Amino acid sequence: MNASKNINDQALLQLLGERLAQLRLAKNLTQGQLAEQAGLGLRTVQRLELGASATQLSGFLRVCRVLGLVERLDLLIPEAVASPMAQLKQAGRKRRRASGNTAAPSLTGPWTWGEGA
């Protein structure tokens, strides 16, 4: 089963849990050992591997850290890169907020080449 945009949330959580379990087994760790090294309860690790939706994201990150997967999170959520024009407009400043939807400027008259303007 591959992760795709057509997969529902529960199936995706189950897939992630199965992959975590496979990686844990490949590293020859028991659920108890993984829980201890990640600073989590055994039941939290079990729920993660079952794909239980009540699991907190911080627990998932701790397990990923123990299994050496933190570096791969960039593949999951890549860093947004601004276009070259947006980078020039920002001129080294960091964007602080979203501008929202801006409507196109309204035209008040017919377009001309600027003759007689």
Protein backbone atom coordinates (compact mmCIF):
# COMPACT_ATOMS: atom_id res chain seq x y z
CA MET A 1 0.00 0.00 0.00
CA ASN A 2 1.43 3.35 -1.05
CA ALA A 3 0.63 6.74 0.41
CA SER A 4 -1.27 8.81 -2.11
CA LYS A 5 -3.57 11.80 -2.09
CA ASN A 6 -6.59 9.50 -2.46
CA ILE A 7 -5.98 7.62 0.80
CA ASN A 8 -8.21 8.51 3.76
CA ASP A 9 -6.78 9.71 7.08
CA GLN A 10 -7.31 6.46 8.98
CA ALA A 11 -5.64 4.40 6.26
CA LEU A 12 -2.73 6.85 6.14
CA LEU A 13 -2.29 6.66 9.93
CA GLN A 14 -2.35 2.87 9.70
CA LEU A 15 0.23 2.93 6.91
CA LEU A 16 2.53 5.21 8.93
CA GLY A 17 2.11 2.97 11.95
CA GLU A 18 2.99 -0.14 9.94
CA ARG A 19 6.09 1.56 8.56
CA LEU A 20 7.17 2.64 12.05
CA ALA A 21 6.73 -0.93 13.28
CA GLN A 22 8.79 -2.26 10.36
CA LEU A 23 11.60 0.21 11.10
CA ARG A 24 11.50 -0.63 14.80
CA LEU A 25 11.80 -4.33 14.00
CA ALA A 26 14.62 -3.67 11.52
CA LYS A 27 16.51 -1.94 14.35
CA ASN A 28 15.76 -4.97 16.56
CA LEU A 29 13.92 -2.90 19.18
CA THR A 30 10.95 -4.05 21.20
CA GLN A 31 8.03 -1.69 21.67
CA GLY A 32 9.11 -1.31 25.29
CA GLN A 33 12.68 -0.39 24.34
CA LEU A 34 11.46 2.13 21.78
CA ALA A 35 9.07 3.64 24.32
CA GLU A 36 11.83 3.94 26.91
CA GLN A 37 14.33 5.52 24.51
CA ALA A 38 11.70 7.95 23.18
CA GLY A 39 10.50 8.84 26.69
CA LEU A 40 6.98 7.59 25.98
CA GLY A 41 4.66 5.06 27.48
CA LEU A 42 4.42 1.61 25.96
CA ARG A 43 0.74 2.18 25.15
CA THR A 44 1.63 5.32 23.14
CA VAL A 45 4.05 3.36 20.97
CA GLN A 46 1.45 0.63 20.53
CA ARG A 47 -1.15 3.19 19.46
CA LEU A 48 1.29 4.78 17.02
CA GLU A 49 1.97 1.44 15.40
CA LEU A 50 -1.75 0.68 15.21
CA GLY A 51 -2.42 4.03 13.57
CA ALA A 52 -4.66 5.22 16.38
CA SER A 53 -5.78 8.77 15.64
CA ALA A 54 -5.69 9.84 19.31
CA THR A 55 -1.88 9.74 19.38
CA GLN A 56 -0.18 13.09 19.85
CA LEU A 57 2.17 14.38 17.21
CA SER A 58 4.95 14.93 19.77
CA GLY A 59 4.99 11.19 20.48
CA PHE A 60 5.29 10.49 16.77
CA LEU A 61 8.25 12.87 16.55
CA ARG A 62 9.98 11.23 19.51
CA VAL A 63 9.64 7.81 17.90
CA CYS A 64 10.94 9.22 14.60
CA ARG A 65 13.95 10.63 16.44
CA VAL A 66 14.82 7.25 18.02
CA LEU A 67 14.40 5.47 14.68
CA GLY A 68 16.58 8.05 12.89
CA LEU A 69 13.80 9.46 10.72
CA VAL A 70 13.91 13.14 11.71
CA GLU A 71 16.11 14.01 8.74
CA ARG A 72 13.48 12.55 6.41
CA LEU A 73 10.71 14.83 7.65
CA ASP A 74 11.83 17.36 5.04
CA LEU A 75 10.52 14.93 2.45
CA LEU A 76 7.15 14.87 4.19
CA ILE A 77 6.78 18.65 4.47
CA PRO A 78 9.30 20.41 2.22
CA GLU A 79 10.34 23.97 2.97
CA ALA A 80 8.40 26.53 0.95
CA VAL A 81 10.60 28.39 -1.49
CA ALA A 82 9.56 31.84 -2.65
CA SER A 83 9.77 32.71 -6.33
CA PRO A 84 12.79 34.78 -7.42
CA MET A 85 10.55 37.85 -7.83
CA ALA A 86 9.11 37.43 -4.34
CA GLN A 87 12.65 37.09 -2.97
CA LEU A 88 13.65 40.37 -4.63
CA LYS A 89 10.58 42.14 -3.24
CA GLN A 90 11.34 40.87 0.26
CA ALA A 91 14.98 42.02 -0.01
CA GLY A 92 16.14 39.83 2.85
CA ARG A 93 13.14 40.48 5.11
CA LYS A 94 11.22 37.53 6.51
CA ARG A 95 7.53 37.34 5.72
CA ARG A 96 5.45 37.81 8.87
CA ARG A 97 1.85 37.29 7.76
CA ALA A 98 -0.32 36.25 4.86
CA SER A 99 -1.83 38.97 2.77
CA GLY A 100 -5.05 37.14 2.01
CA ASN A 101 -6.81 37.16 -1.32
CA THR A 102 -6.29 40.38 -3.15
CA ALA A 103 -8.64 41.29 -5.95
CA ALA A 104 -7.28 42.35 -9.29
CA PRO A 105 -7.23 46.12 -9.73
CA SER A 106 -10.36 47.37 -11.42
CA LEU A 107 -10.02 49.12 -14.74
CA THR A 108 -11.93 52.38 -14.93
CA GLY A 109 -11.69 52.90 -18.66
CA PRO A 110 -10.45 51.35 -21.87
CA TRP A 111 -6.77 50.60 -22.12
CA THR A 112 -4.60 52.95 -24.15
CA TRP A 113 -0.96 53.22 -25.07
CA GLY A 114 -0.56 56.32 -22.99
CA GLU A 115 -1.10 58.72 -25.82
CA GLY A 116 -2.78 61.82 -24.59
CA ALA A 117 -2.49 60.82 -20.99
